[in-house]
Amino acid sequence: FFLSLKLEKKTKGKLQKQICQVVLDHFEKQYTAELGDAWSSVRDVLTSPWCWQHALLLNRFSQCPGLESSLAEQGYHPAFPAALPYLPAAFRCYIRKTPGRFPAQKHQPGKLKEYYLLNAASLLPVLTLEVKDGEDVLDLCAAPGGKSVAILQCACPGRFHCNEYDDLRSRWLEQTIESFIPDALINFIMVSKLDGRQIGDLQPEFYDKVLVDAPCSNDRSWLFSADPQQAVLRLLQRKELSSLQFQLLRSAIKALRPGGSLVYSTCTLSKAENSDVISLILDSCRNVMPVDISEMARGVSQQFTFCSGMQQHELLVLPEKGRPWGPMYVAKLKKMSSS
């Protein structure tokens, strides 16, 4: 016990030093204004990596006898209640109350991984999208690939297009797919490196479902930017992100068939990149309407803490002690049938 206490102190000291003060000061100002009293408990979690947790998404394509019972022995339980409006039987994700990291599996060519480690909140966009077998699906900003893998745990799309513009991230995406998806299925997946803003014009009205997990200011990793100059640059560029997000959404709407739906998500708390972008889209695109996702939010309210005062078509997961998931913003829109 004393050894683990000593180790924790050492880890705390080490991680504490790495918090980037420039970013923290910026967040302090912005999020005190946007989140009010909720910010202090959110800040406590975001600045304490030793209390962060990883969920395990099991891979239905890799049979691993005994994994679930071994997880149960270690205090893990299913993350999502069976009563959710959409929870496919093959979709299995485990979390536990106490922090601690399950060992990650290394990429081995020709061998499928048994589970994917992730922040449990990042699965909410996938469950909100409600993909069904045979639907044509586009994951517009797909790297590193966790949400693409999660979509394939839910259903077998007719066509599945995973796109990632950034070269390095695109390679990462390909490796993730190779690590989790059997060859027979990989043939149905198209991986591209297109500019997401142009896909709508290249493939108009082509997809039933589109996921836009947009590039955003990643609050967790930005807080630990080792290089203060890089942090200052990021904060300056932060203002331009909402314009990119808006353009990606416009493109996604064009790529959707009438009657199709899209989910927009980010891993930032920033209102400018979340609600404001969605409001702008709803104001400027006459052919989309918001979809109420409050039933799903209620269904997972035991596992996640949500920001109050959100509209029915959106939710924002706030990290909290004991529920350190998020930040994760999710909004759902539907394209109207052409009259």
Foldseek 3Di string as FASTA:
>chain_A
DVVVVVVLVVVQVVLLVLFQPVLVVVCVVQCCVVQPPLVVQLVVLLSGVQFDAKKKWFFLVADDPPPVVVCVVVAKDFQFDPPFPADAPLTTMITHQGHDYDDDDDQDQPEADGIDIDFVVVQVQLRVQRDEEAFEEEALAQPLPPSVSNNVSRYQYVAYEYEHQDDVRLVNNVSNCSRRPDPVSVVRYHYYNDLLLCQLVVAFQAGQEYEDADDAPQSSVLRRDNDNVVSVVCVVCRLVRLVSLLSSVVSVLRNHHAFGKYKYKYQDPDCSNAVVSVVVCVVPDVFKDWDFPVSNCVSNVVQFPWRPPDDRQKTATRQGRSNRGTRMIMGMMHGHHDD
